[in-house]
PDB file of N, CA and C in Angstrom:
ATOM      1  N   MET A   1     -13.811  23.293   8.384  1.00  0.00           N
ATOM      2  CA  MET A   1     -11.872  23.501   8.680  1.00  0.00           C
ATOM      3  C   MET A   1     -11.725  22.164   8.297  1.00  0.00           C
ATOM      4  N   ARG A   2     -10.537  22.449   7.312  1.00  0.00           N
ATOM      5  CA  ARG A   2      -9.934  21.291   7.037  1.00  0.00           C
ATOM      6  C   ARG A   2      -9.049  20.138   8.220  1.00  0.00           C
ATOM      7  N   ILE A   3      -9.386  19.073   7.522  1.00  0.00           N
ATOM      8  CA  ILE A   3      -8.596  18.196   8.563  1.00  0.00           C
ATOM      9  C   ILE A   3      -6.975  18.771   9.070  1.00  0.00           C
ATOM     10  N   SER A   4      -6.793  18.843   7.959  1.00  0.00           N
ATOM     11  CA  SER A   4      -5.375  19.375   8.955  1.00  0.00           C
ATOM     12  C   SER A   4      -5.137  20.242   9.924  1.00  0.00           C
ATOM     13  N   ASP A   5      -5.935  20.825  10.026  1.00  0.00           N
ATOM     14  CA  ASP A   5      -6.385  22.195  11.094  1.00  0.00           C
ATOM     15  C   ASP A   5      -6.991  21.121  12.220  1.00  0.00           C
ATOM     16  N   SER A   6      -7.057  20.379  11.732  1.00  0.00           N
ATOM     17  CA  SER A   6      -7.584  19.602  13.277  1.00  0.00           C
ATOM     18  C   SER A   6      -6.718  18.968  14.207  1.00  0.00           C
ATOM     19  N   LEU A   7      -5.865  18.879  13.088  1.00  0.00           N
ATOM     20  CA  LEU A   7      -4.428  17.962  13.438  1.00  0.00           C
ATOM     21  C   LEU A   7      -3.549  18.768  14.538  1.00  0.00           C
ATOM     22  N   ILE A   8      -2.949  19.751  13.826  1.00  0.00           N
ATOM     23  CA  ILE A   8      -2.102  21.446  14.293  1.00  0.00           C
ATOM     24  C   ILE A   8      -3.051  21.646  15.420  1.00  0.00           C
ATOM     25  N   LEU A   9      -2.839  20.888  16.565  1.00  0.00           N
ATOM     26  CA  LEU A   9      -3.291  21.433  18.123  1.00  0.00           C
ATOM     27  C   LEU A   9      -2.434  21.505  18.962  1.00  0.00           C
ATOM     28  N   ASP A  10      -2.235  21.541  19.846  1.00  0.00           N
ATOM     29  CA  ASP A  10      -1.411  21.904  21.017  1.00  0.00           C
ATOM     30  C   ASP A  10      -1.103  20.620  22.137  1.00  0.00           C
ATOM     31  N   ARG A  11      -1.241  19.724  20.898  1.00  0.00           N
ATOM     32  CA  ARG A  11      -0.774  18.242  21.435  1.00  0.00           C
ATOM     33  C   ARG A  11       0.913  18.207  21.308  1.00  0.00           C
ATOM     34  N   PRO A  12       1.241  17.399  22.009  1.00  0.00           N
ATOM     35  CA  PRO A  12       2.634  17.006  21.853  1.00  0.00           C
ATOM     36  C   PRO A  12       2.664  15.794  20.642  1.00  0.00           C
ATOM     37  N   GLU A  13       3.699  15.853  20.018  1.00  0.00           N
ATOM     38  CA  GLU A  13       4.143  15.178  19.083  1.00  0.00           C
ATOM     39  C   GLU A  13       4.228  13.844  19.531  1.00  0.00           C
ATOM     40  N   GLN A  14       3.961  12.188  18.865  1.00  0.00           N
ATOM     41  CA  GLN A  14       4.513  11.271  18.882  1.00  0.00           C
ATOM     42  C   GLN A  14       5.515  11.343  18.215  1.00  0.00           C
ATOM     43  N   ASN A  15       7.057  10.408  19.253  1.00  0.00           N
ATOM     44  CA  ASN A  15       8.183   9.939  18.470  1.00  0.00           C
ATOM     45  C   ASN A  15       8.257   8.685  19.043  1.00  0.00           C
ATOM     46  N   PHE A  16       8.512   8.320  17.824  1.00  0.00           N
ATOM     47  CA  PHE A  16       9.014   6.765  17.646  1.00  0.00           C
ATOM     48  C   PHE A  16      10.662   7.009  17.531  1.00  0.00           C
ATOM     49  N   PHE A  17      11.070   8.139  16.912  1.00  0.00           N
ATOM     50  CA  PHE A  17      12.630   7.581  16.472  1.00  0.00           C
ATOM     51  C   PHE A  17      13.237   8.858  16.605  1.00  0.00           C
ATOM     52  N   ALA A  18      14.660   8.833  17.179  1.00  0.00           N
ATOM     53  CA  ALA A  18      15.506  10.287  17.973  1.00  0.00           C
ATOM     54  C   ALA A  18      15.315  11.097  16.598  1.00  0.00           C
ATOM     55  N   ASP A  19      15.047  11.037  15.506  1.00  0.00           N
ATOM     56  CA  ASP A  19      15.396  12.616  14.938  1.00  0.00           C
ATOM     57  C   ASP A  19      13.217  12.043  14.420  1.00  0.00           C
ATOM     58  N   PRO A  20      12.688  13.407  14.531  1.00  0.00           N
ATOM     59  CA  PRO A  20      11.573  13.679  14.339  1.00  0.00           C
ATOM     60  C   PRO A  20      10.929  13.474  12.988  1.00  0.00           C
ATOM     61  N   ALA A  21      11.669  14.099  11.616  1.00  0.00           N
ATOM     62  CA  ALA A  21      12.156  14.019  10.420  1.00  0.00           C
ATOM     63  C   ALA A  21      11.863  12.142  10.168  1.00  0.00           C
ATOM     64  N   LEU A  22      12.358  11.547  10.325  1.00  0.00           N
ATOM     65  CA  LEU A  22      11.966  10.234  10.535  1.00  0.00           C
ATOM     66  C   LEU A  22      10.830   9.570  10.658  1.00  0.00           C
ATOM     67  N   ASP A  23      10.047  10.085  12.113  1.00  0.00           N
ATOM     68  CA  ASP A  23       8.321   9.853  12.179  1.00  0.00           C
ATOM     69  C   ASP A  23       8.034  10.393  10.943  1.00  0.00           C
ATOM     70  N   ARG A  24       8.306  11.757  10.682  1.00  0.00           N
ATOM     71  CA  ARG A  24       7.251  12.204   9.346  1.00  0.00           C
ATOM     72  C   ARG A  24       7.308  11.529   8.521  1.00  0.00           C
ATOM     73  N   ALA A  25       8.795  10.911   8.019  1.00  0.00           N
ATOM     74  CA  ALA A  25       8.573  10.185   6.464  1.00  0.00           C
ATOM     75  C   ALA A  25       7.991   9.015   7.142  1.00  0.00           C
ATOM     76  N   PHE A  26       7.979   8.302   8.194  1.00  0.00           N
ATOM     77  CA  PHE A  26       7.981   7.000   7.971  1.00  0.00           C
ATOM     78  C   PHE A  26       5.929   7.446   7.829  1.00  0.00           C
ATOM     79  N   GLY A  27       5.459   8.548   9.041  1.00  0.00           N
ATOM     80  CA  GLY A  27       3.938   8.753   8.538  1.00  0.00           C
ATOM     81  C   GLY A  27       3.677   9.343   7.166  1.00  0.00           C
ATOM     82  N   VAL A  28       4.353   9.488   6.415  1.00  0.00           N
ATOM     83  CA  VAL A  28       3.964   9.232   4.737  1.00  0.00           C
ATOM     84  C   VAL A  28       3.815   8.438   4.096  1.00  0.00           C
ATOM     85  N   VAL A  29       5.015   7.152   5.046  1.00  0.00           N
ATOM     86  CA  VAL A  29       4.794   6.078   3.896  1.00  0.00           C
ATOM     87  C   VAL A  29       3.708   5.091   4.756  1.00  0.00           C
ATOM     88  N   MET A  30       3.370   5.232   5.278  1.00  0.00           N
ATOM     89  CA  MET A  30       2.311   4.563   6.502  1.00  0.00           C
ATOM     90  C   MET A  30       0.549   5.183   5.494  1.00  0.00           C
ATOM     91  N   ALA A  31       0.936   6.061   5.061  1.00  0.00           N
ATOM     92  CA  ALA A  31      -0.003   6.980   4.000  1.00  0.00           C
ATOM     93  C   ALA A  31      -0.414   6.090   2.956  1.00  0.00           C
ATOM     94  N   LEU A  32       1.115   6.372   2.479  1.00  0.00           N
ATOM     95  CA  LEU A  32       0.948   5.798   1.725  1.00  0.00           C
ATOM     96  C   LEU A  32       0.389   4.207   1.015  1.00  0.00           C
ATOM     97  N   ALA A  33       0.894   3.410   2.033  1.00  0.00           N
ATOM     98  CA  ALA A  33       1.022   2.026   2.200  1.00  0.00           C
ATOM     99  C   ALA A  33      -0.555   2.531   1.951  1.00  0.00           C
ATOM    100  N   THR A  34      -0.879   2.560   3.212  1.00  0.00           N
ATOM    101  CA  THR A  34      -2.980   2.529   3.098  1.00  0.00           C
ATOM    102  C   THR A  34      -3.595   3.267   1.309  1.00  0.00           C
ATOM    103  N   GLU A  35      -2.392   3.698   1.069  1.00  0.00           N
ATOM    104  CA  GLU A  35      -3.817   4.037  -0.195  1.00  0.00           C
ATOM    105  C   GLU A  35      -3.127   2.866  -1.023  1.00  0.00           C
ATOM    106  N   VAL A  36      -2.213   2.513  -1.187  1.00  0.00           N
ATOM    107  CA  VAL A  36      -1.838   1.156  -2.027  1.00  0.00           C
ATOM    108  C   VAL A  36      -2.557   0.285  -2.095  1.00  0.00           C
ATOM    109  N   TYR A  37      -3.164  -0.074  -0.684  1.00  0.00           N
ATOM    110  CA  TYR A  37      -3.876  -1.263   0.028  1.00  0.00           C
ATOM    111  C   TYR A  37      -5.146  -0.680  -0.592  1.00  0.00           C
ATOM    112  N   VAL A  38      -5.891   0.157  -0.379  1.00  0.00           N
ATOM    113  CA  VAL A  38      -7.271   0.730  -0.871  1.00  0.00           C
ATOM    114  C   VAL A  38      -7.235   0.429  -2.185  1.00  0.00           C
ATOM    115  N   GLN A  39      -6.162   0.794  -3.154  1.00  0.00           N
ATOM    116  CA  GLN A  39      -6.034   0.507  -4.207  1.00  0.00           C
ATOM    117  C   GLN A  39      -6.084  -1.002  -5.101  1.00  0.00           C
ATOM    118  N   ARG A  40      -5.386  -1.610  -4.086  1.00  0.00           N
ATOM    119  CA  ARG A  40      -5.708  -3.482  -4.054  1.00  0.00           C
ATOM    120  C   ARG A  40      -6.459  -3.620  -4.292  1.00  0.00           C
ATOM    121  N   ASP A  41      -7.371  -3.210  -2.681  1.00  0.00           N
ATOM    122  CA  ASP A  41      -8.289  -3.673  -2.716  1.00  0.00           C
ATOM    123  C   ASP A  41      -9.924  -3.516  -4.005  1.00  0.00           C
ATOM    124  N   ARG A  42      -9.802  -2.544  -4.225  1.00  0.00           N
ATOM    125  CA  ARG A  42     -10.608  -1.701  -5.191  1.00  0.00           C
ATOM    126  C   ARG A  42     -10.960  -2.720  -6.716  1.00  0.00           C
ATOM    127  N   VAL A  43      -9.138  -2.670  -7.493  1.00  0.00           N
ATOM    128  CA  VAL A  43      -8.872  -3.421  -8.174  1.00  0.00           C
ATOM    129  C   VAL A  43      -9.490  -4.899  -8.014  1.00  0.00           C
ATOM    130  N   ARG A  44      -9.060  -5.537  -7.478  1.00  0.00           N
ATOM    131  CA  ARG A  44      -9.644  -6.934  -6.652  1.00  0.00           C
ATOM    132  C   ARG A  44     -11.697  -7.028  -6.951  1.00  0.00           C
ATOM    133  N   ALA A  45     -12.108  -5.904  -6.168  1.00  0.00           N
ATOM    134  CA  ALA A  45     -13.338  -5.840  -6.256  1.00  0.00           C
ATOM    135  C   ALA A  45     -13.935  -5.610  -7.995  1.00  0.00           C
ATOM    136  N   LEU A  46     -12.719  -4.887  -8.626  1.00  0.00           N
ATOM    137  CA  LEU A  46     -13.159  -4.932 -10.012  1.00  0.00           C
ATOM    138  C   LEU A  46     -12.891  -6.262 -11.290  1.00  0.00           C
ATOM    139  N   GLU A  47     -11.648  -6.593 -10.935  1.00  0.00           N
ATOM    140  CA  GLU A  47     -11.621  -7.731 -11.509  1.00  0.00           C
ATOM    141  C   GLU A  47     -12.796  -8.850 -11.115  1.00  0.00           C
ATOM    142  N   ARG A  48     -13.212  -8.584 -10.116  1.00  0.00           N
ATOM    143  CA  ARG A  48     -14.617  -9.838  -9.493  1.00  0.00           C
ATOM    144  C   ARG A  48     -15.608  -9.461 -10.946  1.00  0.00           C
ATOM    145  N   LYS A  49     -16.324  -8.312 -10.346  1.00  0.00           N
ATOM    146  CA  LYS A  49     -16.967  -7.606 -11.146  1.00  0.00           C
ATOM    147  C   LYS A  49     -16.990  -7.626 -12.682  1.00  0.00           C
ATOM    148  N   LEU A  50     -15.855  -7.686 -12.974  1.00  0.00           N
ATOM    149  CA  LEU A  50     -15.443  -7.855 -14.819  1.00  0.00           C
ATOM    150  C   LEU A  50     -15.427  -9.855 -14.790  1.00  0.00           C
ATOM    151  N   GLU A  51     -15.171 -10.150 -13.801  1.00  0.00           N
ATOM    152  CA  GLU A  51     -15.119 -11.743 -14.633  1.00  0.00           C
ATOM    153  C   GLU A  51     -16.632 -11.912 -14.201  1.00  0.00           C
ATOM    154  N   ALA A  52     -17.061 -11.581 -13.357  1.00  0.00           N
ATOM    155  CA  ALA A  52     -18.863 -11.827 -13.312  1.00  0.00           C
ATOM    156  C   ALA A  52     -19.199 -11.600 -14.422  1.00  0.00           C
ATOM    157  N   ALA A  53     -18.892 -10.214 -14.881  1.00  0.00           N
ATOM    158  CA  ALA A  53     -19.935 -10.159 -16.542  1.00  0.00           C
ATOM    159  C   ALA A  53     -19.312 -10.745 -17.564  1.00  0.00           C
ATOM    160  N   GLY A  54     -18.487 -11.388 -17.555  1.00  0.00           N
ATOM    161  CA  GLY A  54     -17.733 -12.470 -18.413  1.00  0.00           C
ATOM    162  C   GLY A  54     -16.665 -11.103 -19.620  1.00  0.00           C
ATOM    163  N   ILE A  55     -16.229 -10.522 -18.802  1.00  0.00           N
ATOM    164  CA  ILE A  55     -15.542  -9.135 -19.994  1.00  0.00           C
ATOM    165  C   ILE A  55     -13.941  -9.924 -19.667  1.00  0.00           C
ATOM    166  N   ILE A  56     -13.518 -10.252 -18.616  1.00  0.00           N
ATOM    167  CA  ILE A  56     -12.472 -10.865 -18.132  1.00  0.00           C
ATOM    168  C   ILE A  56     -12.027 -12.163 -17.575  1.00  0.00           C
ATOM    169  N   ASP A  57     -11.215 -12.247 -17.816  1.00  0.00           N
ATOM    170  CA  ASP A  57     -10.889 -14.297 -17.319  1.00  0.00           C
ATOM    171  C   ASP A  57      -9.788 -13.817 -16.775  1.00  0.00           C
ATOM    172  N   ARG A  58     -10.052 -14.229 -14.852  1.00  0.00           N
ATOM    173  CA  ARG A  58      -8.852 -13.247 -14.130  1.00  0.00           C
ATOM    174  C   ARG A  58      -7.666 -14.359 -14.445  1.00  0.00           C
ATOM    175  N   ALA A  59      -7.882 -15.349 -14.997  1.00  0.00           N
ATOM    176  CA  ALA A  59      -6.490 -16.357 -14.793  1.00  0.00           C
ATOM    177  C   ALA A  59      -5.538 -15.600 -15.741  1.00  0.00           C
ATOM    178  N   ASP A  60      -6.571 -15.251 -16.812  1.00  0.00           N
ATOM    179  CA  ASP A  60      -5.402 -14.369 -17.970  1.00  0.00           C
ATOM    180  C   ASP A  60      -4.143 -13.646 -17.469  1.00  0.00           C
ATOM    181  N   MET A  61      -5.185 -12.521 -16.567  1.00  0.00           N
ATOM    182  CA  MET A  61      -4.390 -11.571 -16.251  1.00  0.00           C
ATOM    183  C   MET A  61      -2.859 -12.081 -15.840  1.00  0.00           C
ATOM    184  N   ASP A  62      -2.729 -13.371 -14.861  1.00  0.00           N
ATOM    185  CA  ASP A  62      -1.233 -13.259 -14.635  1.00  0.00           C
ATOM    186  C   ASP A  62      -0.597 -14.303 -15.734  1.00  0.00           C
ATOM    187  N   ARG A  63      -1.180 -14.158 -16.941  1.00  0.00           N
ATOM    188  CA  ARG A  63      -0.212 -15.044 -17.720  1.00  0.00           C
ATOM    189  C   ARG A  63       1.460 -14.172 -18.358  1.00  0.00           C
ATOM    190  N   GLU A  64       2.201 -14.744 -18.852  1.00  0.00           N
ATOM    191  CA  GLU A  64       3.899 -13.889 -18.824  1.00  0.00           C
ATOM    192  C   GLU A  64       3.664 -12.931 -20.215  1.00  0.00           C
ATOM    193  N   PRO A  65       3.873 -11.395 -19.834  1.00  0.00           N
ATOM    194  CA  PRO A  65       3.947 -10.481 -21.307  1.00  0.00           C
ATOM    195  C   PRO A  65       4.310 -10.874 -22.022  1.00  0.00           C
ATOM    196  N   SER A  66       3.529 -10.490 -23.066  1.00  0.00           N
ATOM    197  CA  SER A  66       4.373 -11.159 -24.783  1.00  0.00           C
ATOM    198  C   SER A  66       5.838  -9.915 -24.757  1.00  0.00           C
ATOM    199  N   GLU A  67       6.750 -10.135 -25.315  1.00  0.00           N
ATOM    200  CA  GLU A  67       8.279  -9.373 -25.405  1.00  0.00           C
ATOM    201  C   GLU A  67       7.937  -8.084 -25.687  1.00  0.00           C
ATOM    202  N   ASP A  68       6.632  -7.928 -26.281  1.00  0.00           N
ATOM    203  CA  ASP A  68       6.592  -5.930 -26.635  1.00  0.00           C
ATOM    204  C   ASP A  68       5.816  -5.688 -25.302  1.00  0.00           C
ATOM    205  N   GLU A  69       5.220  -6.705 -24.618  1.00  0.00           N
ATOM    206  CA  GLU A  69       4.407  -6.138 -23.682  1.00  0.00           C
ATOM    207  C   GLU A  69       5.906  -5.599 -22.137  1.00  0.00           C
ATOM    208  N   ARG A  70       6.573  -6.773 -22.450  1.00  0.00           N
ATOM    209  CA  ARG A  70       7.258  -6.776 -21.268  1.00  0.00           C
ATOM    210  C   ARG A  70       8.123  -5.531 -21.521  1.00  0.00           C
ATOM    211  N   GLN A  71       8.883  -5.083 -22.998  1.00  0.00           N
ATOM    212  CA  GLN A  71       9.975  -3.936 -22.993  1.00  0.00           C
ATOM    213  C   GLN A  71       8.626  -2.439 -22.783  1.00  0.00           C
ATOM    214  N   ALA A  72       7.847  -2.378 -23.033  1.00  0.00           N
ATOM    215  CA  ALA A  72       6.764  -1.324 -22.461  1.00  0.00           C
ATOM    216  C   ALA A  72       6.744  -0.825 -21.222  1.00  0.00           C
ATOM    217  N   ASN A  73       6.726  -2.151 -20.731  1.00  0.00           N
ATOM    218  CA  ASN A  73       6.273  -2.129 -19.309  1.00  0.00           C
ATOM    219  C   ASN A  73       7.602  -2.265 -18.333  1.00  0.00           C
ATOM    220  N   ALA A  74       8.722  -2.136 -18.806  1.00  0.00           N
ATOM    221  CA  ALA A  74      10.550  -1.989 -18.582  1.00  0.00           C
ATOM    222  C   ALA A  74      10.483  -0.698 -18.586  1.00  0.00           C
ATOM    223  N   GLU A  75      10.142  -0.072 -19.705  1.00  0.00           N
ATOM    224  CA  GLU A  75      10.148   1.118 -19.964  1.00  0.00           C
ATOM    225  C   GLU A  75       9.441   2.297 -19.100  1.00  0.00           C
ATOM    226  N   ASP A  76       7.991   1.854 -18.928  1.00  0.00           N
ATOM    227  CA  ASP A  76       7.146   2.190 -18.355  1.00  0.00           C
ATOM    228  C   ASP A  76       8.166   2.225 -16.385  1.00  0.00           C
ATOM    229  N   ARG A  77       8.846   1.010 -15.914  1.00  0.00           N
ATOM    230  CA  ARG A  77       8.758   1.497 -14.845  1.00  0.00           C
ATOM    231  C   ARG A  77      10.337   1.874 -14.050  1.00  0.00           C
ATOM    232  N   GLU A  78      11.030   2.157 -15.792  1.00  0.00           N
ATOM    233  CA  GLU A  78      12.247   2.878 -15.269  1.00  0.00           C
ATOM    234  C   GLU A  78      11.641   3.956 -15.492  1.00  0.00           C
ATOM    235  N   ALA A  79      11.207   4.785 -15.767  1.00  0.00           N
ATOM    236  CA  ALA A  79      10.818   6.617 -15.820  1.00  0.00           C
ATOM    237  C   ALA A  79       9.996   6.574 -14.464  1.00  0.00           C
ATOM    238  N   PHE A  80       9.049   5.197 -14.410  1.00  0.00           N
ATOM    239  CA  PHE A  80       8.597   5.942 -13.039  1.00  0.00           C
ATOM    240  C   PHE A  80       9.599   5.601 -11.972  1.00  0.00           C
ATOM    241  N   VAL A  81      10.889   5.005 -12.407  1.00  0.00           N
ATOM    242  CA  VAL A  81      12.001   4.555 -10.489  1.00  0.00           C
ATOM    243  C   VAL A  81      12.401   5.680 -11.056  1.00  0.00           C
ATOM    244  N   GLU A  82      12.659   6.443 -11.998  1.00  0.00           N
ATOM    245  CA  GLU A  82      13.929   7.336 -12.632  1.00  0.00           C
ATOM    246  C   GLU A  82      12.997   8.421 -11.831  1.00  0.00           C
ATOM    247  N   GLY A  83      11.693   8.905 -11.237  1.00  0.00           N
ATOM    248  CA  GLY A  83      10.791   9.841 -10.890  1.00  0.00           C
ATOM    249  C   GLY A  83      10.751  10.071  -9.548  1.00  0.00           C
ATOM    250  N   LEU A  84      10.771   8.663  -8.820  1.00  0.00           N
ATOM    251  CA  LEU A  84      11.096   8.457  -7.828  1.00  0.00           C
ATOM    252  C   LEU A  84      12.376   8.554  -6.889  1.00  0.00           C
ATOM    253  N   MET A  85      13.206   8.359  -7.640  1.00  0.00           N
ATOM    254  CA  MET A  85      15.228   8.371  -6.857  1.00  0.00           C
ATOM    255  C   MET A  85      15.432   9.269  -7.097  1.00  0.00           C
ATOM    256  N   ILE A  86      15.288  10.371  -8.304  1.00  0.00           N
ATOM    257  CA  ILE A  86      15.964  11.452  -9.113  1.00  0.00           C
ATOM    258  C   ILE A  86      16.031  12.268  -7.558  1.00  0.00           C
ATOM    259  N   ASN A  87      15.191  12.652  -6.246  1.00  0.00           N
ATOM    260  CA  ASN A  87      15.321  13.168  -5.773  1.00  0.00           C
ATOM    261  C   ASN A  87      16.503  12.902  -4.337  1.00  0.00           C
ATOM    262  N   LEU A  88      17.035  11.728  -4.518  1.00  0.00           N
ATOM    263  CA  LEU A  88      18.463  11.641  -4.197  1.00  0.00           C
ATOM    264  C   LEU A  88      19.605  11.745  -4.086  1.00  0.00           C
ATOM    265  N   LEU A  89      19.904  12.033  -5.383  1.00  0.00           N
ATOM    266  CA  LEU A  89      20.554  12.848  -6.191  1.00  0.00           C
ATOM    267  C   LEU A  89      21.180  14.175  -5.864  1.00  0.00           C
ATOM    268  N   GLY A  90      20.258  14.426  -4.523  1.00  0.00           N
ATOM    269  CA  GLY A  90      20.545  15.909  -4.366  1.00  0.00           C
ATOM    270  C   GLY A  90      20.492  17.217  -4.766  1.00  0.00           C
ATOM    271  N   LYS A  91      19.654  16.727  -6.439  1.00  0.00           N
ATOM    272  CA  LYS A  91      19.891  18.190  -7.324  1.00  0.00           C
ATOM    273  C   LYS A  91      18.255  18.640  -7.147  1.00  0.00           C
ATOM    274  N   GLN A  92      18.375  19.732  -6.707  1.00  0.00           N
ATOM    275  CA  GLN A  92      17.291  20.586  -6.756  1.00  0.00           C
ATOM    276  C   GLN A  92      16.562  20.680  -7.923  1.00  0.00           C
ATOM    277  N   GLN A  93      15.261  20.365  -8.294  1.00  0.00           N
ATOM    278  CA  GLN A  93      14.308  19.863  -9.274  1.00  0.00           C
ATOM    279  C   GLN A  93      13.754  21.377 -10.125  1.00  0.00           C
ATOM    280  N   ALA A  94      13.463  22.109  -8.985  1.00  0.00           N
ATOM    281  CA  ALA A  94      12.901  23.376  -9.609  1.00  0.00           C
ATOM    282  C   ALA A  94      14.096  24.284  -8.955  1.00  0.00           C
ATOM    283  N   LYS A  95      14.903  25.067  -9.956  1.00  0.00           N
ATOM    284  CA  LYS A  95      15.508  26.144  -9.730  1.00  0.00           C
ATOM    285  C   LYS A  95      15.492  27.612  -8.683  1.00  0.00           C
ATOM    286  N   GLY A  96      14.262  28.036  -9.295  1.00  0.00           N
ATOM    287  CA  GLY A  96      13.524  28.908  -8.678  1.00  0.00           C
ATOM    288  C   GLY A  96      14.342  30.512  -9.398  1.00  0.00           C
ATOM    289  N   ALA A  97      13.765  31.399  -8.981  1.00  0.00           N
ATOM    290  CA  ALA A  97      14.731  32.683  -9.097  1.00  0.00           C
ATOM    291  C   ALA A  97      15.803  33.291  -8.700  1.00  0.00           C
ATOM    292  N   SER A  98      16.857  33.415  -9.405  1.00  0.00           N
ATOM    293  CA  SER A  98      17.956  33.057  -9.124  1.00  0.00           C
ATOM    294  C   SER A  98      18.887  34.544  -9.170  1.00  0.00           C
TER     295      SER A  98
END
């Protein structure tokens, strides 16, 4: 039995907003926030282990990036944001059969 199967029971859906779609969207946001926090926690643990092994200096990770690094980060960030926000344009990404 999959987790989603156990969630689709004859229980009433909780509604916090007038539009149930907002409740579902908020649920997605909270699930993503949970995943982000788990990733942050794991990165901190990894940083501690790497520092303890003498592989990295965590203070060095907080330094300002070089101009090349800054440019590469900006390009990556722009592509990432474009991928997230393109859906707001209202244009169907997968046209499908016509």
